[in-house]
Amino acid sequence: MVAGYGLGGSTVALFGRVGGGIYTKAADVGADLAGKVCEGLEEDSADNPGTIADNVGDNVGDIAGMGADLFGSLSESTCAALVISAHSLQILETPDAVYFPIMVSAMGIIASYISVLFVRIGEVTQDNVESKLKIQLTLSTFLLSNMIIPLLYVLPEVSTIEFAGKLYEVTRWHIFGCVASGLWSGLLIGFITEYFTSNRYRPVQELIESTRMGAAPNIILGLALGYMSTIMPIILIAITIWISFTFAGMYGIALAAIGMLGCLPVALAIDGYGPIADNAGGISEMSNLDHSVRENTDLLDAAGNTTAAIGKGFAIGSACLVSLALFGAYIVRVEESTNSESFIVNVLEPTTFAGLIVGAMIPYAFSAMTMAAVGQAANEMIIEIKAQFVKMREGHPADPQRCVAISTEASLKKMIGPGALVIFTPVTVGMLFSKNALNGLLAGIIVSGIQIAFSFSNTGGAWDNAKKSIETGNYQSTLALNDDENMTPFIFRKKDKNGDPTEEHKAAVVGDTVGDPLKDTSGPAINILIKLSAITSLIFGGFIAEYGGILIKE
């Protein structure tokens, strides 16, 4: 029943992340290209019929999607911890010890609440709002690290946990090390994500500089930035996995995932900051408020883009640990169903290795389907908006409802293919090619998917902030100077002296438009792919172990 609870969480997250991602980016890309690039309108202009669909999409994809995603991660990591801990007689015989993972999450709520109160200390300005949010995250991590210690005493002094035929002698401080490793690696992943996506640091500043040469260098450097940004988070996750698995086997992995999600309320809060600021800017623009209001909201939105990227880093890292923990729970389920003492995953076994190769391909196929969905829906949106511009010049009013309907219909229809791929692939592979093939499939999906998720999310976030920096007009070149006699620093601006969009802004908009489906559709949706594949395998693990392998008998 607990596993079914986790499956329900991930299934809803599939709607929020995949469907919501298609909705928001179809509207965003269509409105930007048809309104800003073709017509030269301001972002979120009331004259753009796609503006309302764009703002609605921020709520559907970013707010509801992230909430459903992290809820699924928390429910599934708890599920994995409960399933694996049931193989420890000491934990089962100790009152309340089974509920230790849930207690950690409960303490995380308290730590997060306390840390949020500290935002009121000192004056909040546009310059320090990003720092204020990061302080909350750091403080909640520090508080939870200390609040976990009293909880350790609900556990037996030493627990014997069996996994894959090996016994782990786990002390209370081993368990603390597992939770703390996930907790602090999550924080570090957030800060690394900030470095690659904030306009305060060199990677995004190089993107801004590249727009002087056109859209192509901006695209090339943005992709390189995303690939480079995967290195440190992957190393941190690898260290976390090594520590937690050495201490407590797969139970340790599940606890590390719970630790990384321990400060979930703060992570959700700082992630929601960006869409809220973005929508506030859209409302101010549509309401014809003074231009200074939009300038203020844009500065807040730029900080929000960075904090949203930090939130995505948390979501991706936790999804990796959660999926690995669920993989372990699946192995436990197979052992129970086959009455075997150990079920060893051997990647050199032919069926397993074949499944590994296929699994590594699945995230690419999934990304292709979601990106194609955004592109096709955006095409429909652009055609509709352009047609409305023609009618508006003839005196007809705009029809924003039609744009909302296009995004809604596209998101519901075009999520069917990616959703079916996620849900049916593990079951099909297991039934046709045995549980060993499913082992390889899950490993391949996790290893390949985590790289794509980090890369896509950080690339898109960096392009978005590069565009925002140009639109504020506050960024001066640090690499090159004008050819005038006074060597005046080059200032990146949204419009030139004649009021026309600058070439730098056009190049930045192209990069941001390419990055939109990467950071808000395909990248975050990979989380759902790897988690839902793993939880589906856990649900059907016993059935596959007993009846699977129709084409290949083991």
Protein backbone atom coordinates (compact mmCIF):
# COMPACT_ATOMS: atom_id res chain seq x y z
CA MET A 1 0.00 0.00 0.00
CA VAL A 2 2.90 2.34 0.77
CA ALA A 3 4.40 1.63 -2.65
CA GLY A 4 1.05 2.38 -4.23
CA TYR A 5 1.03 5.71 -2.39
CA GLY A 6 4.37 6.56 -3.98
CA LEU A 7 3.10 5.50 -7.39
CA GLY A 8 0.13 7.83 -7.00
CA GLY A 9 2.44 10.73 -6.14
CA SER A 10 4.60 10.17 -9.22
CA THR A 11 1.61 9.71 -11.51
CA VAL A 12 0.19 13.08 -10.49
CA ALA A 13 3.68 14.57 -10.89
CA LEU A 14 3.62 13.26 -14.46
CA PHE A 15 0.68 15.55 -15.17
CA GLY A 16 2.26 18.49 -13.36
CA ARG A 17 5.77 18.21 -14.78
CA VAL A 18 5.17 16.85 -18.29
CA GLY A 19 1.71 18.24 -19.03
CA GLY A 20 2.35 21.47 -17.15
CA GLY A 21 5.75 21.86 -18.78
CA ILE A 22 4.26 21.54 -22.26
CA TYR A 23 1.51 24.00 -21.33
CA THR A 24 3.75 26.74 -19.97
CA LYS A 25 6.47 26.55 -22.62
CA ALA A 26 4.08 26.37 -25.57
CA ALA A 27 2.59 29.65 -24.32
CA ASP A 28 5.93 31.21 -23.35
CA VAL A 29 7.79 30.39 -26.57
CA GLY A 30 4.80 31.31 -28.76
CA ALA A 31 4.18 34.62 -26.99
CA ASP A 32 7.87 35.57 -27.02
CA LEU A 33 8.52 34.81 -30.68
CA ALA A 34 5.27 36.21 -32.05
CA GLY A 35 5.12 39.23 -29.73
CA LYS A 36 8.65 40.24 -28.76
CA VAL A 37 10.69 39.15 -31.78
CA CYS A 38 8.20 39.64 -34.61
CA GLU A 39 6.16 42.61 -33.33
CA GLY A 40 8.70 44.25 -31.00
CA LEU A 41 6.24 44.29 -28.09
CA GLU A 42 7.27 44.38 -24.45
CA GLU A 43 7.21 41.10 -22.57
CA ASP A 44 3.72 40.47 -21.14
CA SER A 45 2.28 43.33 -23.18
CA ALA A 46 -1.51 43.55 -22.97
CA ASP A 47 -1.52 43.76 -26.77
CA ASN A 48 -0.16 40.21 -26.99
CA PRO A 49 -2.99 37.61 -26.94
CA GLY A 50 -0.58 34.97 -25.63
CA THR A 51 0.39 36.85 -22.47
CA ILE A 52 -2.34 35.45 -20.23
CA ALA A 53 -1.62 31.88 -21.35
CA ASP A 54 2.05 32.49 -20.54
CA ASN A 55 1.25 33.70 -17.03
CA VAL A 56 -1.18 30.87 -16.38
CA GLY A 57 1.52 28.46 -17.54
CA ASP A 58 3.92 29.70 -14.87
CA ASN A 59 1.50 28.43 -12.25
CA VAL A 60 0.70 25.18 -14.01
CA GLY A 61 4.24 24.12 -14.85
CA ASP A 62 6.48 25.78 -12.28
CA ILE A 63 4.35 25.91 -9.13
CA ALA A 64 2.12 22.84 -9.41
CA GLY A 65 4.77 20.88 -11.31
CA MET A 66 7.56 21.42 -8.78
CA GLY A 67 5.20 20.76 -5.86
CA ALA A 68 4.02 17.47 -7.35
CA ASP A 69 7.59 16.51 -8.28
CA LEU A 70 9.03 17.00 -4.80
CA PHE A 71 5.97 15.47 -3.15
CA GLY A 72 6.54 12.37 -5.28
CA SER A 73 10.22 12.29 -4.28
CA LEU A 74 9.40 12.56 -0.58
CA SER A 75 6.68 9.92 -0.68
CA GLU A 76 8.83 7.51 -2.70
CA SER A 77 11.97 7.92 -0.59
CA THR A 78 9.86 7.27 2.51
CA CYS A 79 8.34 4.25 0.78
CA ALA A 80 11.79 2.85 -0.10
CA ALA A 81 13.10 3.38 3.44
CA LEU A 82 10.08 1.62 4.97
CA VAL A 83 10.27 -1.34 2.57
CA ILE A 84 14.02 -1.88 3.11
CA SER A 85 13.95 -1.33 6.89
CA ALA A 86 11.34 -4.09 7.18
CA HIS A 87 14.25 -6.53 6.66
CA SER A 88 15.83 -5.49 9.96
CA LEU A 89 14.51 -7.45 12.92
CA GLN A 90 15.98 -4.94 15.40
CA ILE A 91 14.17 -2.00 13.79
CA LEU A 92 10.88 -3.91 13.64
CA GLU A 93 11.12 -4.87 17.30
CA THR A 94 11.97 -1.33 18.50
CA PRO A 95 8.93 0.91 19.11
CA ASP A 96 8.76 3.83 16.66
CA ALA A 97 12.07 2.95 14.95
CA VAL A 98 10.27 2.10 11.72
CA TYR A 99 8.93 5.67 11.60
CA PHE A 100 12.35 7.33 11.81
CA PRO A 101 12.25 8.48 8.13
CA ILE A 102 8.90 10.19 8.71
CA MET A 103 10.23 11.84 11.87
CA VAL A 104 13.12 13.36 9.88
CA SER A 105 10.64 14.89 7.44
CA ALA A 106 8.55 16.23 10.31
CA MET A 107 11.61 17.88 11.87
CA GLY A 108 12.37 19.38 8.45
CA ILE A 109 9.05 21.24 8.57
CA ILE A 110 9.96 22.78 11.93
CA ALA A 111 13.50 23.70 10.82
CA SER A 112 12.16 25.27 7.65
CA TYR A 113 9.57 27.31 9.54
CA ILE A 114 12.18 28.67 11.92
CA SER A 115 14.57 29.59 9.09
CA VAL A 116 11.84 31.46 7.19
CA LEU A 117 11.35 33.75 10.19
CA PHE A 118 14.93 34.98 9.80
CA VAL A 119 14.09 36.69 6.50
CA ARG A 120 12.65 39.54 8.55
CA ILE A 121 15.99 40.32 10.21
CA GLY A 122 17.46 43.39 8.52
CA GLU A 123 16.16 45.30 5.53
CA VAL A 124 15.23 43.39 2.40
CA THR A 125 16.44 45.11 -0.77
CA GLN A 126 16.67 44.16 -4.43
CA ASP A 127 20.39 43.55 -4.00
CA ASN A 128 20.16 41.18 -1.06
CA VAL A 129 16.93 39.29 -1.77
CA GLU A 130 18.81 36.41 -3.37
CA SER A 131 21.16 36.23 -0.38
CA LYS A 132 18.21 36.25 2.02
CA LEU A 133 16.73 33.22 0.28
CA LYS A 134 20.04 31.36 0.36
CA ILE A 135 20.47 32.13 4.06
CA GLN A 136 17.13 30.47 4.73
CA LEU A 137 18.26 27.37 2.89
CA THR A 138 21.61 27.23 4.72
CA LEU A 139 20.05 27.90 8.11
CA SER A 140 17.36 25.24 7.68
CA THR A 141 20.06 22.72 6.71
CA PHE A 142 22.12 23.57 9.80
CA LEU A 143 19.10 23.42 12.11
CA LEU A 144 17.89 20.10 10.77
CA SER A 145 21.38 18.60 11.09
CA ASN A 146 21.19 19.25 14.85
CA MET A 147 17.52 18.39 15.25
CA ILE A 148 18.10 14.91 13.83
CA ILE A 149 20.42 13.94 16.70
CA PRO A 150 17.70 13.45 19.40
CA LEU A 151 15.69 11.37 16.91
CA LEU A 152 18.54 8.84 16.66
CA TYR A 153 17.61 7.49 20.07
CA VAL A 154 14.33 6.03 18.81
CA LEU A 155 16.53 3.61 16.85
CA PRO A 156 18.19 0.51 18.27
CA GLU A 157 21.83 1.03 19.20
CA VAL A 158 22.87 -1.39 16.44
CA SER A 159 20.65 -2.62 13.63
CA THR A 160 21.40 -5.48 11.26
CA ILE A 161 20.11 -4.66 7.78
CA GLU A 162 20.26 -7.26 5.04
CA PHE A 163 20.55 -6.30 1.39
CA ALA A 164 21.44 -8.51 -1.60
CA GLY A 165 22.79 -11.23 0.66
CA LYS A 166 25.05 -8.92 2.66
CA LEU A 167 24.54 -7.92 6.30
CA TYR A 168 25.21 -4.35 7.41
CA GLU A 169 25.82 -3.62 11.10
CA VAL A 170 24.35 -0.11 11.36
CA THR A 171 24.78 2.13 14.39
CA ARG A 172 22.79 5.26 15.18
CA TRP A 173 25.67 7.47 14.04
CA HIS A 174 25.91 5.56 10.77
CA ILE A 175 22.30 6.53 10.15
CA PHE A 176 23.07 10.13 11.09
CA GLY A 177 25.90 10.10 8.54
CA CYS A 178 23.51 8.87 5.83
CA VAL A 179 20.91 11.58 6.49
CA ALA A 180 23.51 14.33 6.93
CA SER A 181 25.35 13.40 3.71
CA GLY A 182 22.17 13.82 1.71
CA LEU A 183 21.24 17.01 3.55
CA TRP A 184 24.54 18.82 2.99
CA SER A 185 25.17 17.51 -0.53
CA GLY A 186 21.77 18.92 -1.48
CA LEU A 187 22.80 22.33 -0.17
CA LEU A 188 26.10 22.19 -2.06
CA ILE A 189 24.33 21.15 -5.26
CA GLY A 190 22.09 24.19 -4.83
CA PHE A 191 25.06 26.54 -4.52
CA ILE A 192 26.82 24.97 -7.52
CA THR A 193 23.63 25.41 -9.52
CA GLU A 194 23.55 29.05 -8.47
CA TYR A 195 27.10 29.57 -9.73
CA PHE A 196 26.19 28.32 -13.20
CA THR A 197 22.86 30.17 -13.48
CA SER A 198 23.27 33.48 -11.64
CA ASN A 199 24.29 36.61 -13.56
CA ARG A 200 26.67 37.47 -10.72
CA TYR A 201 29.16 34.81 -11.80
CA ARG A 202 31.41 34.23 -14.77
CA PRO A 203 29.50 31.49 -16.68
CA VAL A 204 26.38 33.63 -17.27
CA GLN A 205 28.47 36.76 -17.82
CA GLU A 206 30.26 34.96 -20.66
CA LEU A 207 26.87 34.14 -22.14
CA ILE A 208 25.94 37.82 -22.03
CA GLU A 209 29.21 38.77 -23.75
CA SER A 210 28.62 36.17 -26.47
CA THR A 211 25.36 37.84 -27.59
CA ARG A 212 27.44 40.60 -29.22
CA MET A 213 28.48 37.99 -31.80
CA GLY A 214 24.94 36.75 -32.43
CA ALA A 215 22.66 33.91 -31.39
CA ALA A 216 24.91 31.04 -32.50
CA PRO A 217 27.81 31.70 -30.05
CA ASN A 218 25.23 32.20 -27.31
CA ILE A 219 23.70 28.79 -28.06
CA ILE A 220 27.11 27.06 -28.24
CA LEU A 221 28.39 28.52 -24.97
CA GLY A 222 25.06 27.84 -23.26
CA LEU A 223 25.19 24.16 -24.15
CA ALA A 224 28.82 23.96 -22.99
CA LEU A 225 27.83 25.62 -19.70
CA GLY A 226 25.12 23.02 -19.13
CA TYR A 227 27.46 20.11 -19.81
CA MET A 228 30.13 21.57 -17.52
CA SER A 229 27.61 22.16 -14.75
CA THR A 230 26.97 18.42 -14.37
CA ILE A 231 30.47 17.61 -13.10
CA MET A 232 30.37 18.73 -9.46
CA PRO A 233 26.75 17.73 -8.70
CA ILE A 234 27.40 14.24 -10.05
CA ILE A 235 30.57 13.93 -7.96
CA LEU A 236 28.66 15.06 -4.86
CA ILE A 237 25.89 12.55 -5.51
CA ALA A 238 28.50 9.82 -6.05
CA ILE A 239 30.15 10.67 -2.70
CA THR A 240 26.76 10.67 -0.98
CA ILE A 241 25.92 7.27 -2.47
CA TRP A 242 29.30 5.84 -1.41
CA ILE A 243 28.99 7.11 2.17
CA SER A 244 25.37 6.10 2.71
CA PHE A 245 25.68 2.69 1.02
CA THR A 246 28.86 1.89 2.96
CA PHE A 247 27.14 2.77 6.23
CA ALA A 248 23.73 1.15 5.74
CA GLY A 249 23.31 -0.37 2.29
CA MET A 250 20.22 0.66 0.37
CA TYR A 251 18.56 1.77 3.60
CA GLY A 252 21.30 4.39 3.81
CA ILE A 253 20.55 5.54 0.24
CA ALA A 254 16.88 6.00 1.12
CA LEU A 255 17.81 7.98 4.25
CA ALA A 256 20.18 10.16 2.21
CA ALA A 257 17.31 10.94 -0.16
CA ILE A 258 15.09 11.85 2.80
CA GLY A 259 17.90 14.03 4.14
CA MET A 260 18.25 15.87 0.85
CA LEU A 261 14.50 16.48 0.95
CA GLY A 262 14.54 17.35 4.64
CA CYS A 263 14.28 21.09 4.00
CA LEU A 264 11.55 20.61 1.42
CA PRO A 265 9.34 23.53 2.61
CA VAL A 266 12.17 26.05 2.10
CA ALA A 267 13.15 24.47 -1.22
CA LEU A 268 9.57 24.82 -2.45
CA ALA A 269 9.35 28.38 -1.17
CA ILE A 270 12.48 29.61 -2.94
CA ASP A 271 11.47 27.75 -6.09
CA GLY A 272 8.06 29.43 -6.12
CA TYR A 273 9.65 32.86 -5.66
CA GLY A 274 10.58 33.14 -9.36
CA PRO A 275 7.17 32.37 -10.90
CA ILE A 276 5.48 34.68 -8.38
CA ALA A 277 7.80 37.57 -9.28
CA ASP A 278 7.38 36.76 -12.98
CA ASN A 279 3.58 36.86 -12.74
CA ALA A 280 3.74 40.09 -10.73
CA GLY A 281 5.74 41.62 -13.57
CA GLY A 282 3.23 40.37 -16.11
CA ILE A 283 0.31 41.86 -14.19
CA SER A 284 2.11 45.21 -13.85
CA GLU A 285 2.80 45.28 -17.58
CA MET A 286 -0.77 44.41 -18.54
CA SER A 287 -2.09 46.97 -16.06
CA ASN A 288 0.00 49.74 -17.66
CA LEU A 289 1.72 50.57 -14.39
CA ASP A 290 4.78 52.80 -14.34
CA HIS A 291 7.80 51.27 -16.06
CA SER A 292 9.76 51.39 -12.78
CA VAL A 293 7.43 48.71 -11.37
CA ARG A 294 8.39 46.31 -14.14
CA GLU A 295 12.06 47.10 -13.63
CA ASN A 296 11.73 46.15 -9.97
CA THR A 297 9.87 42.92 -10.69
CA ASP A 298 12.44 42.00 -13.36
CA LEU A 299 15.22 42.28 -10.78
CA LEU A 300 13.22 40.08 -8.43
CA ASP A 301 12.48 37.68 -11.29
CA ALA A 302 16.21 37.40 -12.08
CA ALA A 303 16.84 36.42 -8.45
CA GLY A 304 13.88 34.06 -8.73
CA ASN A 305 15.35 32.38 -11.80
CA THR A 306 18.46 31.56 -9.80
CA THR A 307 16.53 30.29 -6.78
CA ALA A 308 14.28 28.26 -9.09
CA ALA A 309 17.40 26.69 -10.58
CA ILE A 310 18.55 25.87 -7.04
CA GLY A 311 15.18 24.22 -6.43
CA LYS A 312 15.57 22.20 -9.63
CA GLY A 313 19.01 21.10 -8.44
CA PHE A 314 17.45 19.78 -5.24
CA ALA A 315 14.73 18.02 -7.21
CA ILE A 316 17.17 16.36 -9.62
CA GLY A 317 19.63 15.24 -6.94
CA SER A 318 16.89 13.84 -4.75
CA ALA A 319 15.29 12.10 -7.74
CA CYS A 320 18.57 10.26 -8.38
CA LEU A 321 18.83 9.08 -4.78
CA VAL A 322 15.14 8.23 -4.60
CA SER A 323 15.30 6.17 -7.79
CA LEU A 324 18.35 4.29 -6.54
CA ALA A 325 16.59 3.60 -3.23
CA LEU A 326 13.52 2.35 -5.10
CA PHE A 327 15.82 0.18 -7.19
CA GLY A 328 17.01 -1.36 -3.94
CA ALA A 329 13.42 -1.84 -2.77
CA TYR A 330 12.67 -3.55 -6.10
CA ILE A 331 15.55 -5.98 -5.49
CA VAL A 332 14.17 -6.72 -2.03
CA ARG A 333 10.75 -7.36 -3.57
CA VAL A 334 12.24 -9.77 -6.12
CA GLU A 335 14.09 -11.64 -3.37
CA GLU A 336 10.83 -12.03 -1.45
CA SER A 337 8.97 -13.29 -4.52
CA THR A 338 11.64 -15.81 -5.56
CA ASN A 339 12.48 -16.92 -1.99
CA SER A 340 16.16 -16.36 -2.74
CA GLU A 341 18.72 -15.24 -0.19
CA SER A 342 20.29 -12.73 -2.57
CA PHE A 343 19.53 -11.24 -5.96
CA ILE A 344 22.75 -9.88 -7.44
CA VAL A 345 22.69 -7.35 -10.27
CA ASN A 346 25.49 -8.28 -12.68
CA VAL A 347 25.97 -5.73 -15.48
CA LEU A 348 28.22 -8.18 -17.38
CA GLU A 349 25.33 -10.58 -17.75
CA PRO A 350 24.18 -10.21 -21.41
CA THR A 351 20.50 -9.54 -20.73
CA THR A 352 21.31 -7.01 -18.02
CA PHE A 353 23.84 -5.18 -20.19
CA ALA A 354 21.41 -5.05 -23.10
CA GLY A 355 18.83 -3.56 -20.76
CA LEU A 356 21.44 -1.05 -19.55
CA ILE A 357 22.06 0.22 -23.09
CA VAL A 358 18.35 0.52 -23.80
CA GLY A 359 17.74 2.24 -20.47
CA ALA A 360 20.41 4.86 -21.23
CA MET A 361 18.53 5.65 -24.44
CA ILE A 362 15.12 6.13 -22.80
CA PRO A 363 15.82 9.64 -21.35
CA TYR A 364 16.87 10.84 -24.82
CA ALA A 365 13.70 9.47 -26.38
CA PHE A 366 11.64 11.00 -23.58
CA SER A 367 13.35 14.38 -24.00
CA ALA A 368 12.82 14.28 -27.74
CA MET A 369 9.10 13.64 -27.29
CA THR A 370 8.61 16.44 -24.76
CA MET A 371 10.68 18.96 -26.75
CA ALA A 372 8.84 18.08 -29.95
CA ALA A 373 5.57 18.55 -28.09
CA VAL A 374 6.62 22.06 -27.02
CA GLY A 375 7.80 22.92 -30.53
CA GLN A 376 4.59 21.76 -32.18
CA ALA A 377 2.35 23.46 -29.63
CA ALA A 378 4.42 26.66 -29.91
CA ASN A 379 3.93 26.60 -33.70
CA GLU A 380 0.17 26.48 -33.22
CA MET A 381 0.41 29.32 -30.70
CA ILE A 382 2.50 31.51 -33.03
CA ILE A 383 0.09 30.97 -35.94
CA GLU A 384 -2.87 31.89 -33.71
CA ILE A 385 -1.19 35.00 -32.26
CA LYS A 386 -0.09 36.26 -35.67
CA ALA A 387 -3.58 35.73 -37.05
CA GLN A 388 -4.99 37.72 -34.12
CA PHE A 389 -2.51 40.55 -34.74
CA VAL A 390 -3.90 40.87 -38.27
CA LYS A 391 -7.46 40.99 -36.95
CA MET A 392 -6.51 43.46 -34.21
CA ARG A 393 -5.19 45.87 -36.84
CA GLU A 394 -8.62 45.66 -38.45
CA GLY A 395 -10.25 46.68 -35.18
CA HIS A 396 -11.15 43.28 -33.72
CA PRO A 397 -10.41 42.67 -30.00
CA ALA A 398 -7.80 40.13 -28.88
CA ASP A 399 -8.97 36.68 -27.84
CA PRO A 400 -6.64 35.40 -25.07
CA GLN A 401 -9.01 32.52 -24.32
CA ARG A 402 -8.13 30.94 -27.64
CA CYS A 403 -4.43 30.93 -26.69
CA VAL A 404 -5.22 29.38 -23.31
CA ALA A 405 -7.26 26.69 -25.07
CA ILE A 406 -4.35 25.86 -27.43
CA SER A 407 -1.94 25.36 -24.51
CA THR A 408 -4.48 23.32 -22.54
CA GLU A 409 -5.32 21.03 -25.43
CA ALA A 410 -1.69 20.58 -26.43
CA SER A 411 -0.56 19.75 -22.89
CA LEU A 412 -3.24 17.08 -22.42
CA LYS A 413 -2.79 15.45 -25.81
CA LYS A 414 0.97 15.58 -26.13
CA MET A 415 1.75 14.22 -22.68
CA ILE A 416 0.17 10.87 -23.55
CA GLY A 417 3.19 9.63 -25.53
CA PRO A 418 5.87 10.47 -22.94
CA GLY A 419 3.62 9.24 -20.15
CA ALA A 420 3.02 5.90 -21.84
CA LEU A 421 6.77 5.54 -22.44
CA VAL A 422 7.47 5.99 -18.73
CA ILE A 423 4.75 3.72 -17.37
CA PHE A 424 4.78 0.83 -19.84
CA THR A 425 8.48 0.47 -20.70
CA PRO A 426 9.61 -1.13 -17.39
CA VAL A 427 6.68 -3.56 -17.30
CA THR A 428 7.08 -4.52 -20.96
CA VAL A 429 10.83 -5.05 -20.69
CA GLY A 430 10.45 -7.12 -17.53
CA MET A 431 7.66 -9.30 -18.90
CA LEU A 432 9.33 -9.93 -22.26
CA PHE A 433 13.01 -10.11 -21.32
CA SER A 434 13.07 -11.02 -17.59
CA LYS A 435 13.88 -9.26 -14.36
CA ASN A 436 17.57 -9.06 -15.28
CA ALA A 437 16.77 -6.93 -18.32
CA LEU A 438 14.69 -4.69 -16.08
CA ASN A 439 17.69 -4.35 -13.72
CA GLY A 440 19.79 -2.97 -16.55
CA LEU A 441 16.97 -0.78 -17.82
CA LEU A 442 16.55 0.96 -14.46
CA ALA A 443 20.29 1.48 -14.02
CA GLY A 444 20.59 2.95 -17.53
CA ILE A 445 17.66 5.31 -17.03
CA ILE A 446 19.07 6.63 -13.75
CA VAL A 447 22.66 7.08 -14.97
CA SER A 448 21.73 8.71 -18.27
CA GLY A 449 18.74 10.71 -17.04
CA ILE A 450 20.53 12.48 -14.20
CA GLN A 451 23.13 13.92 -16.60
CA ILE A 452 20.49 15.25 -19.00
CA ALA A 453 18.39 16.72 -16.20
CA PHE A 454 21.23 18.76 -14.69
CA SER A 455 22.50 19.91 -18.08
CA PHE A 456 19.11 20.96 -19.47
CA SER A 457 17.99 22.78 -16.33
CA ASN A 458 21.20 24.76 -15.87
CA THR A 459 21.55 25.67 -19.53
CA GLY A 460 18.02 27.04 -19.66
CA GLY A 461 18.40 28.93 -16.39
CA ALA A 462 21.65 30.55 -17.56
CA TRP A 463 20.12 31.67 -20.88
CA ASP A 464 17.12 33.12 -19.06
CA ASN A 465 19.26 35.17 -16.69
CA ALA A 466 21.50 36.35 -19.52
CA LYS A 467 18.41 37.74 -21.25
CA LYS A 468 17.17 39.35 -18.03
CA SER A 469 20.54 41.06 -17.51
CA ILE A 470 20.40 42.63 -20.97
CA GLU A 471 16.81 43.76 -20.46
CA THR A 472 17.68 45.61 -17.25
CA GLY A 473 20.41 47.55 -19.08
CA ASN A 474 22.74 47.42 -16.08
CA TYR A 475 25.40 45.07 -17.43
CA GLN A 476 28.65 46.51 -18.79
CA SER A 477 31.07 44.50 -20.88
CA THR A 478 34.15 43.26 -19.05
CA LEU A 479 35.80 41.58 -22.04
CA ALA A 480 35.65 44.07 -24.87
CA LEU A 481 35.38 47.80 -25.41
CA ASN A 482 33.89 49.97 -28.10
CA ASP A 483 36.14 51.21 -30.86
CA ASP A 484 35.62 54.85 -29.89
CA GLU A 485 38.46 57.09 -28.82
CA ASN A 486 37.38 57.22 -25.18
CA MET A 487 37.27 53.41 -24.85
CA THR A 488 33.80 53.64 -23.32
CA PRO A 489 32.61 50.34 -21.79
CA PHE A 490 29.96 48.63 -23.87
CA ILE A 491 26.58 48.57 -22.10
CA PHE A 492 24.15 45.85 -23.08
CA ARG A 493 20.70 47.30 -23.67
CA LYS A 494 17.29 46.02 -24.67
CA LYS A 495 16.68 48.75 -27.26
CA ASP A 496 18.93 51.08 -29.25
CA LYS A 497 18.67 54.88 -29.57
CA ASN A 498 15.89 54.52 -32.14
CA GLY A 499 13.78 52.33 -29.88
CA ASP A 500 14.45 49.16 -31.91
CA PRO A 501 15.51 45.89 -30.26
CA THR A 502 19.30 45.53 -30.16
CA GLU A 503 21.05 42.60 -31.81
CA GLU A 504 22.33 41.52 -28.39
CA HIS A 505 18.79 41.35 -27.03
CA LYS A 506 17.57 39.41 -30.05
CA ALA A 507 20.36 36.87 -29.61
CA ALA A 508 19.56 36.56 -25.90
CA VAL A 509 15.86 36.03 -26.63
CA VAL A 510 16.73 33.23 -29.06
CA GLY A 511 18.86 31.55 -26.39
CA ASP A 512 16.17 31.96 -23.77
CA THR A 513 13.54 30.57 -26.14
CA VAL A 514 15.66 27.49 -26.87
CA GLY A 515 16.32 27.08 -23.15
CA ASP A 516 12.69 27.35 -22.08
CA PRO A 517 11.68 23.76 -22.96
CA LEU A 518 15.02 22.51 -21.64
CA LYS A 519 14.72 24.01 -18.15
CA ASP A 520 10.95 23.91 -17.67
CA THR A 521 9.80 20.86 -19.63
CA SER A 522 12.32 18.20 -20.63
CA GLY A 523 14.88 18.73 -17.84
CA PRO A 524 12.53 18.62 -14.83
CA ALA A 525 10.39 15.92 -16.45
CA ILE A 526 13.39 13.57 -16.40
CA ASN A 527 12.88 13.44 -12.61
CA ILE A 528 9.50 11.89 -13.20
CA LEU A 529 10.91 9.48 -15.77
CA ILE A 530 13.50 7.96 -13.44
CA LYS A 531 11.26 7.92 -10.34
CA LEU A 532 8.13 6.61 -12.02
CA SER A 533 10.11 3.89 -13.83
CA ALA A 534 11.57 2.75 -10.52
CA ILE A 535 8.32 2.83 -8.52
CA THR A 536 6.49 1.00 -11.32
CA SER A 537 9.16 -1.70 -11.24
CA LEU A 538 8.75 -1.97 -7.46
CA ILE A 539 4.98 -2.33 -7.73
CA PHE A 540 5.21 -5.06 -10.38
CA GLY A 541 8.53 -6.53 -9.19
CA GLY A 542 7.03 -9.66 -7.65
CA PHE A 543 4.86 -10.35 -10.68
CA ILE A 544 7.77 -9.86 -13.09
CA ALA A 545 10.04 -12.09 -11.01
CA GLU A 546 7.50 -14.90 -11.12
CA TYR A 547 6.07 -14.59 -14.63
CA GLY A 548 8.53 -12.38 -16.56
CA GLY A 549 10.90 -13.46 -19.32
CA ILE A 550 8.43 -14.59 -21.96
CA LEU A 551 11.02 -14.28 -24.74
CA ILE A 552 14.19 -14.91 -22.71
CA LYS A 553 14.07 -17.59 -20.03
CA GLU A 554 16.67 -17.31 -17.26
